[in-house]
Amino acid sequence: MEPKHLFDDAHAKMQQFLESSPAKDIEKNVKAIMSQGFAKLDLVTREEFDIQAQVLAKTRAKLEQLEARVAELEAQNAKN
């Protein structure tokens, strides 16, 4: 038997063993418990975080523009 086929066969048997073992049930239970715990922590998804980071970047840029405009207007007002 070729090494690749031997590896594929061993992998398939391990997958079959793991699916029929209690490990799969334990994994499901652990995931469910962790999901409940994370839900209580009021976490956000990466997508939500990235969206808020973009909004913040745009807000900062707008604020900088407004600050520059206010400084410009104050300078004009001081000359008058």
PDB file of N, CA and C in Angstrom:
ATOM      1  N   MET A   1       0.844  -1.177   0.000  1.00  0.00           N
ATOM      2  CA  MET A   1       0.000   0.000   0.000  1.00  0.00           C
ATOM      3  C   MET A   1       0.887   1.238   0.000  1.00  0.00           C
ATOM      4  N   GLU A   2       0.529   2.214  -0.819  1.00  0.00           N
ATOM      5  CA  GLU A   2       1.302   3.452  -0.893  1.00  0.00           C
ATOM      6  C   GLU A   2       1.150   4.246   0.399  1.00  0.00           C
ATOM      7  N   PRO A   3       2.169   5.008   0.764  1.00  0.00           N
ATOM      8  CA  PRO A   3       2.092   5.796   2.006  1.00  0.00           C
ATOM      9  C   PRO A   3       0.902   6.756   2.034  1.00  0.00           C
ATOM     10  N   LYS A   4       0.567   7.377   0.889  1.00  0.00           N
ATOM     11  CA  LYS A   4      -0.559   8.308   0.861  1.00  0.00           C
ATOM     12  C   LYS A   4      -1.855   7.577   1.163  1.00  0.00           C
ATOM     13  N   HIS A   5      -2.054   6.427   0.566  1.00  0.00           N
ATOM     14  CA  HIS A   5      -3.275   5.663   0.817  1.00  0.00           C
ATOM     15  C   HIS A   5      -3.316   5.169   2.260  1.00  0.00           C
ATOM     16  N   LEU A   6      -2.161   4.790   2.787  1.00  0.00           N
ATOM     17  CA  LEU A   6      -2.077   4.342   4.172  1.00  0.00           C
ATOM     18  C   LEU A   6      -2.473   5.492   5.110  1.00  0.00           C
ATOM     19  N   PHE A   7      -1.959   6.689   4.822  1.00  0.00           N
ATOM     20  CA  PHE A   7      -2.282   7.863   5.635  1.00  0.00           C
ATOM     21  C   PHE A   7      -3.763   8.203   5.525  1.00  0.00           C
ATOM     22  N   ASP A   8      -4.301   8.205   4.311  1.00  0.00           N
ATOM     23  CA  ASP A   8      -5.721   8.514   4.103  1.00  0.00           C
ATOM     24  C   ASP A   8      -6.611   7.517   4.826  1.00  0.00           C
ATOM     25  N   ASP A   9      -6.236   6.234   4.766  1.00  0.00           N
ATOM     26  CA  ASP A   9      -7.016   5.190   5.435  1.00  0.00           C
ATOM     27  C   ASP A   9      -6.979   5.385   6.954  1.00  0.00           C
ATOM     28  N   ALA A  10      -5.789   5.667   7.481  1.00  0.00           N
ATOM     29  CA  ALA A  10      -5.654   5.890   8.925  1.00  0.00           C
ATOM     30  C   ALA A  10      -6.453   7.123   9.347  1.00  0.00           C
ATOM     31  N   HIS A  11      -6.405   8.162   8.541  1.00  0.00           N
ATOM     32  CA  HIS A  11      -7.146   9.385   8.841  1.00  0.00           C
ATOM     33  C   HIS A  11      -8.647   9.115   8.856  1.00  0.00           C
ATOM     34  N   ALA A  12      -9.120   8.374   7.875  1.00  0.00           N
ATOM     35  CA  ALA A  12     -10.553   8.052   7.805  1.00  0.00           C
ATOM     36  C   ALA A  12     -10.991   7.241   9.015  1.00  0.00           C
ATOM     37  N   LYS A  13     -10.166   6.297   9.422  1.00  0.00           N
ATOM     38  CA  LYS A  13     -10.498   5.475  10.587  1.00  0.00           C
ATOM     39  C   LYS A  13     -10.506   6.307  11.869  1.00  0.00           C
ATOM     40  N   MET A  14      -9.567   7.256  11.986  1.00  0.00           N
ATOM     41  CA  MET A  14      -9.528   8.115  13.165  1.00  0.00           C
ATOM     42  C   MET A  14     -10.767   9.016  13.204  1.00  0.00           C
ATOM     43  N   GLN A  15     -11.157   9.557  12.054  1.00  0.00           N
ATOM     44  CA  GLN A  15     -12.349  10.388  11.991  1.00  0.00           C
ATOM     45  C   GLN A  15     -13.580   9.588  12.403  1.00  0.00           C
ATOM     46  N   GLN A  16     -13.667   8.374  11.895  1.00  0.00           N
ATOM     47  CA  GLN A  16     -14.810   7.509  12.229  1.00  0.00           C
ATOM     48  C   GLN A  16     -14.820   7.206  13.721  1.00  0.00           C
ATOM     49  N   PHE A  17     -13.652   6.937  14.286  1.00  0.00           N
ATOM     50  CA  PHE A  17     -13.553   6.656  15.712  1.00  0.00           C
ATOM     51  C   PHE A  17     -13.976   7.864  16.539  1.00  0.00           C
ATOM     52  N   LEU A  18     -13.475   9.040  16.161  1.00  0.00           N
ATOM     53  CA  LEU A  18     -13.799  10.252  16.914  1.00  0.00           C
ATOM     54  C   LEU A  18     -15.281  10.598  16.832  1.00  0.00           C
ATOM     55  N   GLU A  19     -15.884  10.367  15.679  1.00  0.00           N
ATOM     56  CA  GLU A  19     -17.311  10.670  15.535  1.00  0.00           C
ATOM     57  C   GLU A  19     -18.187   9.737  16.359  1.00  0.00           C
ATOM     58  N   SER A  20     -17.718   8.515  16.565  1.00  0.00           N
ATOM     59  CA  SER A  20     -18.514   7.559  17.338  1.00  0.00           C
ATOM     60  C   SER A  20     -18.134   7.550  18.816  1.00  0.00           C
ATOM     61  N   SER A  21     -17.134   8.327  19.188  1.00  0.00           N
ATOM     62  CA  SER A  21     -16.691   8.339  20.586  1.00  0.00           C
ATOM     63  C   SER A  21     -17.409   9.439  21.358  1.00  0.00           C
ATOM     64  N   PRO A  22     -17.308   9.405  22.668  1.00  0.00           N
ATOM     65  CA  PRO A  22     -17.912  10.457  23.488  1.00  0.00           C
ATOM     66  C   PRO A  22     -17.247  11.821  23.291  1.00  0.00           C
ATOM     67  N   ALA A  23     -16.088  11.841  22.653  1.00  0.00           N
ATOM     68  CA  ALA A  23     -15.383  13.105  22.451  1.00  0.00           C
ATOM     69  C   ALA A  23     -16.224  14.085  21.645  1.00  0.00           C
ATOM     70  N   LYS A  24     -16.984  13.594  20.682  1.00  0.00           N
ATOM     71  CA  LYS A  24     -17.823  14.462  19.864  1.00  0.00           C
ATOM     72  C   LYS A  24     -18.911  15.116  20.720  1.00  0.00           C
ATOM     73  N   ASP A  25     -19.523  14.335  21.604  1.00  0.00           N
ATOM     74  CA  ASP A  25     -20.544  14.888  22.503  1.00  0.00           C
ATOM     75  C   ASP A  25     -19.940  15.911  23.454  1.00  0.00           C
ATOM     76  N   ILE A  26     -18.758  15.608  23.954  1.00  0.00           N
ATOM     77  CA  ILE A  26     -18.076  16.532  24.865  1.00  0.00           C
ATOM     78  C   ILE A  26     -17.777  17.839  24.134  1.00  0.00           C
ATOM     79  N   GLU A  27     -17.310  17.727  22.893  1.00  0.00           N
ATOM     80  CA  GLU A  27     -17.007  18.918  22.102  1.00  0.00           C
ATOM     81  C   GLU A  27     -18.264  19.770  21.911  1.00  0.00           C
ATOM     82  N   LYS A  28     -19.378  19.152  21.587  1.00  0.00           N
ATOM     83  CA  LYS A  28     -20.637  19.885  21.406  1.00  0.00           C
ATOM     84  C   LYS A  28     -21.044  20.583  22.696  1.00  0.00           C
ATOM     85  N   ASN A  29     -20.936  19.870  23.816  1.00  0.00           N
ATOM     86  CA  ASN A  29     -21.310  20.448  25.111  1.00  0.00           C
ATOM     87  C   ASN A  29     -20.402  21.618  25.491  1.00  0.00           C
ATOM     88  N   VAL A  30     -19.105  21.467  25.264  1.00  0.00           N
ATOM     89  CA  VAL A  30     -18.161  22.531  25.585  1.00  0.00           C
ATOM     90  C   VAL A  30     -18.451  23.764  24.725  1.00  0.00           C
ATOM     91  N   LYS A  31     -18.722  23.547  23.439  1.00  0.00           N
ATOM     92  CA  LYS A  31     -19.042  24.680  22.560  1.00  0.00           C
ATOM     93  C   LYS A  31     -20.304  25.394  23.025  1.00  0.00           C
ATOM     94  N   ALA A  32     -21.308  24.630  23.432  1.00  0.00           N
ATOM     95  CA  ALA A  32     -22.558  25.233  23.897  1.00  0.00           C
ATOM     96  C   ALA A  32     -22.322  26.047  25.169  1.00  0.00           C
ATOM     97  N   ILE A  33     -21.556  25.510  26.089  1.00  0.00           N
ATOM     98  CA  ILE A  33     -21.263  26.209  27.342  1.00  0.00           C
ATOM     99  C   ILE A  33     -20.465  27.483  27.068  1.00  0.00           C
ATOM    100  N   MET A  34     -19.483  27.376  26.178  1.00  0.00           N
ATOM    101  CA  MET A  34     -18.665  28.551  25.852  1.00  0.00           C
ATOM    102  C   MET A  34     -19.510  29.617  25.156  1.00  0.00           C
ATOM    103  N   SER A  35     -20.404  29.209  24.279  1.00  0.00           N
ATOM    104  CA  SER A  35     -21.276  30.168  23.588  1.00  0.00           C
ATOM    105  C   SER A  35     -22.143  30.916  24.584  1.00  0.00           C
ATOM    106  N   GLN A  36     -22.684  30.205  25.551  1.00  0.00           N
ATOM    107  CA  GLN A  36     -23.505  30.848  26.582  1.00  0.00           C
ATOM    108  C   GLN A  36     -22.668  31.824  27.399  1.00  0.00           C
ATOM    109  N   GLY A  37     -21.469  31.425  27.745  1.00  0.00           N
ATOM    110  CA  GLY A  37     -20.582  32.295  28.517  1.00  0.00           C
ATOM    111  C   GLY A  37     -20.208  33.540  27.753  1.00  0.00           C
ATOM    112  N   PHE A  38     -19.891  33.381  26.465  1.00  0.00           N
ATOM    113  CA  PHE A  38     -19.544  34.540  25.645  1.00  0.00           C
ATOM    114  C   PHE A  38     -20.731  35.468  25.476  1.00  0.00           C
ATOM    115  N   ALA A  39     -21.930  34.910  25.381  1.00  0.00           N
ATOM    116  CA  ALA A  39     -23.129  35.739  25.230  1.00  0.00           C
ATOM    117  C   ALA A  39     -23.322  36.623  26.466  1.00  0.00           C
ATOM    118  N   LYS A  40     -22.987  36.107  27.625  1.00  0.00           N
ATOM    119  CA  LYS A  40     -23.126  36.882  28.862  1.00  0.00           C
ATOM    120  C   LYS A  40     -22.079  37.984  28.972  1.00  0.00           C
ATOM    121  N   LEU A  41     -20.970  37.841  28.263  1.00  0.00           N
ATOM    122  CA  LEU A  41     -19.892  38.818  28.345  1.00  0.00           C
ATOM    123  C   LEU A  41     -20.137  40.036  27.469  1.00  0.00           C
ATOM    124  N   ASP A  42     -21.188  40.026  26.686  1.00  0.00           N
ATOM    125  CA  ASP A  42     -21.543  41.155  25.822  1.00  0.00           C
ATOM    126  C   ASP A  42     -20.405  41.468  24.851  1.00  0.00           C
ATOM    127  N   LEU A  43     -19.915  40.431  24.181  1.00  0.00           N
ATOM    128  CA  LEU A  43     -18.848  40.582  23.199  1.00  0.00           C
ATOM    129  C   LEU A  43     -19.432  40.955  21.842  1.00  0.00           C
ATOM    130  N   VAL A  44     -18.597  41.495  20.971  1.00  0.00           N
ATOM    131  CA  VAL A  44     -19.021  41.805  19.608  1.00  0.00           C
ATOM    132  C   VAL A  44     -18.242  40.923  18.641  1.00  0.00           C
ATOM    133  N   THR A  45     -18.826  40.735  17.463  1.00  0.00           N
ATOM    134  CA  THR A  45     -18.137  39.942  16.451  1.00  0.00           C
ATOM    135  C   THR A  45     -17.019  40.773  15.832  1.00  0.00           C
ATOM    136  N   ARG A  46     -16.124  40.113  15.145  1.00  0.00           N
ATOM    137  CA  ARG A  46     -15.028  40.811  14.469  1.00  0.00           C
ATOM    138  C   ARG A  46     -15.594  41.761  13.421  1.00  0.00           C
ATOM    139  N   GLU A  47     -16.641  41.324  12.731  1.00  0.00           N
ATOM    140  CA  GLU A  47     -17.269  42.162  11.705  1.00  0.00           C
ATOM    141  C   GLU A  47     -17.828  43.446  12.317  1.00  0.00           C
ATOM    142  N   GLU A  48     -18.524  43.319  13.449  1.00  0.00           N
ATOM    143  CA  GLU A  48     -19.067  44.504  14.122  1.00  0.00           C
ATOM    144  C   GLU A  48     -17.942  45.438  14.576  1.00  0.00           C
ATOM    145  N   PHE A  49     -16.871  44.849  15.086  1.00  0.00           N
ATOM    146  CA  PHE A  49     -15.729  45.635  15.536  1.00  0.00           C
ATOM    147  C   PHE A  49     -15.112  46.403  14.367  1.00  0.00           C
ATOM    148  N   ASP A  50     -14.919  45.719  13.237  1.00  0.00           N
ATOM    149  CA  ASP A  50     -14.324  46.358  12.069  1.00  0.00           C
ATOM    150  C   ASP A  50     -15.200  47.498  11.559  1.00  0.00           C
ATOM    151  N   ILE A  51     -16.512  47.304  11.562  1.00  0.00           N
ATOM    152  CA  ILE A  51     -17.425  48.362  11.123  1.00  0.00           C
ATOM    153  C   ILE A  51     -17.303  49.575  12.038  1.00  0.00           C
ATOM    154  N   GLN A  52     -17.287  49.351  13.342  1.00  0.00           N
ATOM    155  CA  GLN A  52     -17.171  50.458  14.286  1.00  0.00           C
ATOM    156  C   GLN A  52     -15.819  51.160  14.166  1.00  0.00           C
ATOM    157  N   ALA A  53     -14.769  50.400  13.865  1.00  0.00           N
ATOM    158  CA  ALA A  53     -13.449  51.005  13.670  1.00  0.00           C
ATOM    159  C   ALA A  53     -13.459  51.926  12.450  1.00  0.00           C
ATOM    160  N   GLN A  54     -14.162  51.517  11.382  1.00  0.00           N
ATOM    161  CA  GLN A  54     -14.278  52.363  10.193  1.00  0.00           C
ATOM    162  C   GLN A  54     -15.074  53.636  10.502  1.00  0.00           C
ATOM    163  N   VAL A  55     -16.159  53.478  11.239  1.00  0.00           N
ATOM    164  CA  VAL A  55     -16.973  54.642  11.618  1.00  0.00           C
ATOM    165  C   VAL A  55     -16.131  55.608  12.447  1.00  0.00           C
ATOM    166  N   LEU A  56     -15.372  55.079  13.372  1.00  0.00           N
ATOM    167  CA  LEU A  56     -14.518  55.926  14.208  1.00  0.00           C
ATOM    168  C   LEU A  56     -13.468  56.652  13.378  1.00  0.00           C
ATOM    169  N   ALA A  57     -12.856  55.962  12.428  1.00  0.00           N
ATOM    170  CA  ALA A  57     -11.842  56.586  11.576  1.00  0.00           C
ATOM    171  C   ALA A  57     -12.453  57.733  10.774  1.00  0.00           C
ATOM    172  N   LYS A  58     -13.650  57.517  10.231  1.00  0.00           N
ATOM    173  CA  LYS A  58     -14.326  58.581   9.471  1.00  0.00           C
ATOM    174  C   LYS A  58     -14.677  59.756  10.377  1.00  0.00           C
ATOM    175  N   THR A  59     -15.119  59.450  11.588  1.00  0.00           N
ATOM    176  CA  THR A  59     -15.480  60.500  12.542  1.00  0.00           C
ATOM    177  C   THR A  59     -14.254  61.318  12.925  1.00  0.00           C
ATOM    178  N   ARG A  60     -13.136  60.651  13.140  1.00  0.00           N
ATOM    179  CA  ARG A  60     -11.903  61.368  13.477  1.00  0.00           C
ATOM    180  C   ARG A  60     -11.475  62.284  12.336  1.00  0.00           C
ATOM    181  N   ALA A  61     -11.563  61.781  11.109  1.00  0.00           N
ATOM    182  CA  ALA A  61     -11.178  62.594   9.957  1.00  0.00           C
ATOM    183  C   ALA A  61     -12.072  63.826   9.853  1.00  0.00           C
ATOM    184  N   LYS A  62     -13.350  63.640  10.039  1.00  0.00           N
ATOM    185  CA  LYS A  62     -14.298  64.768   9.982  1.00  0.00           C
ATOM    186  C   LYS A  62     -14.007  65.766  11.100  1.00  0.00           C
ATOM    187  N   LEU A  63     -13.718  65.265  12.289  1.00  0.00           N
ATOM    188  CA  LEU A  63     -13.393  66.140  13.424  1.00  0.00           C
ATOM    189  C   LEU A  63     -12.149  66.970  13.125  1.00  0.00           C
ATOM    190  N   GLU A  64     -11.141  66.336  12.548  1.00  0.00           N
ATOM    191  CA  GLU A  64      -9.918  67.074  12.206  1.00  0.00           C
ATOM    192  C   GLU A  64     -10.209  68.172  11.188  1.00  0.00           C
ATOM    193  N   GLN A  65     -11.069  67.875  10.209  1.00  0.00           N
ATOM    194  CA  GLN A  65     -11.451  68.888   9.221  1.00  0.00           C
ATOM    195  C   GLN A  65     -12.172  70.051   9.892  1.00  0.00           C
ATOM    196  N   LEU A  66     -13.094  69.721  10.779  1.00  0.00           N
ATOM    197  CA  LEU A  66     -13.848  70.770  11.471  1.00  0.00           C
ATOM    198  C   LEU A  66     -12.951  71.608  12.378  1.00  0.00           C
ATOM    199  N   GLU A  67     -12.015  70.954  13.065  1.00  0.00           N
ATOM    200  CA  GLU A  67     -11.083  71.696  13.918  1.00  0.00           C
ATOM    201  C   GLU A  67     -10.242  72.652  13.085  1.00  0.00           C
ATOM    202  N   ALA A  68      -9.795  72.192  11.920  1.00  0.00           N
ATOM    203  CA  ALA A  68      -8.999  73.055  11.044  1.00  0.00           C
ATOM    204  C   ALA A  68      -9.839  74.231  10.555  1.00  0.00           C
ATOM    205  N   ARG A  69     -11.080  73.962  10.220  1.00  0.00           N
ATOM    206  CA  ARG A  69     -11.974  75.031   9.741  1.00  0.00           C
ATOM    207  C   ARG A  69     -12.237  76.058  10.851  1.00  0.00           C
ATOM    208  N   VAL A  70     -12.475  75.579  12.076  1.00  0.00           N
ATOM    209  CA  VAL A  70     -12.703  76.484  13.206  1.00  0.00           C
ATOM    210  C   VAL A  70     -11.461  77.338  13.446  1.00  0.00           C
ATOM    211  N   ALA A  71     -10.290  76.738  13.389  1.00  0.00           N
ATOM    212  CA  ALA A  71      -9.049  77.489  13.591  1.00  0.00           C
ATOM    213  C   ALA A  71      -8.897  78.546  12.502  1.00  0.00           C
ATOM    214  N   GLU A  72      -9.247  78.171  11.275  1.00  0.00           N
ATOM    215  CA  GLU A  72      -9.171  79.115  10.161  1.00  0.00           C
ATOM    216  C   GLU A  72     -10.132  80.293  10.373  1.00  0.00           C
ATOM    217  N   LEU A  73     -11.340  80.007  10.773  1.00  0.00           N
ATOM    218  CA  LEU A  73     -12.327  81.052  11.014  1.00  0.00           C
ATOM    219  C   LEU A  73     -11.933  81.947  12.181  1.00  0.00           C
ATOM    220  N   GLU A  74     -11.378  81.341  13.227  1.00  0.00           N
ATOM    221  CA  GLU A  74     -10.916  82.139  14.375  1.00  0.00           C
ATOM    222  C   GLU A  74      -9.782  83.061  13.982  1.00  0.00           C
ATOM    223  N   ALA A  75      -8.897  82.557  13.127  1.00  0.00           N
ATOM    224  CA  ALA A  75      -7.775  83.391  12.666  1.00  0.00           C
ATOM    225  C   ALA A  75      -8.292  84.557  11.828  1.00  0.00           C
ATOM    226  N   GLN A  76      -9.276  84.298  10.966  1.00  0.00           N
ATOM    227  CA  GLN A  76      -9.877  85.374  10.159  1.00  0.00           C
ATOM    228  C   GLN A  76     -10.576  86.377  11.057  1.00  0.00           C
ATOM    229  N   ASN A  77     -11.264  85.886  12.066  1.00  0.00           N
ATOM    230  CA  ASN A  77     -11.995  86.767  12.983  1.00  0.00           C
ATOM    231  C   ASN A  77     -11.031  87.625  13.806  1.00  0.00           C
ATOM    232  N   ALA A  78      -9.894  87.071  14.156  1.00  0.00           N
ATOM    233  CA  ALA A  78      -8.912  87.816  14.943  1.00  0.00           C
ATOM    234  C   ALA A  78      -8.305  88.947  14.123  1.00  0.00           C
ATOM    235  N   LYS A  79      -8.199  88.763  12.812  1.00  0.00           N
ATOM    236  CA  LYS A  79      -7.639  89.796  11.936  1.00  0.00           C
ATOM    237  C   LYS A  79      -8.622  90.955  11.778  1.00  0.00           C
ATOM    238  N   ASN A  80      -9.900  90.686  11.882  1.00  0.00           N
ATOM    239  CA  ASN A  80     -10.912  91.723  11.670  1.00  0.00           C
ATOM    240  C   ASN A  80     -11.147  92.503  12.904  1.00  0.00           C
TER     241      ASN A  80
END
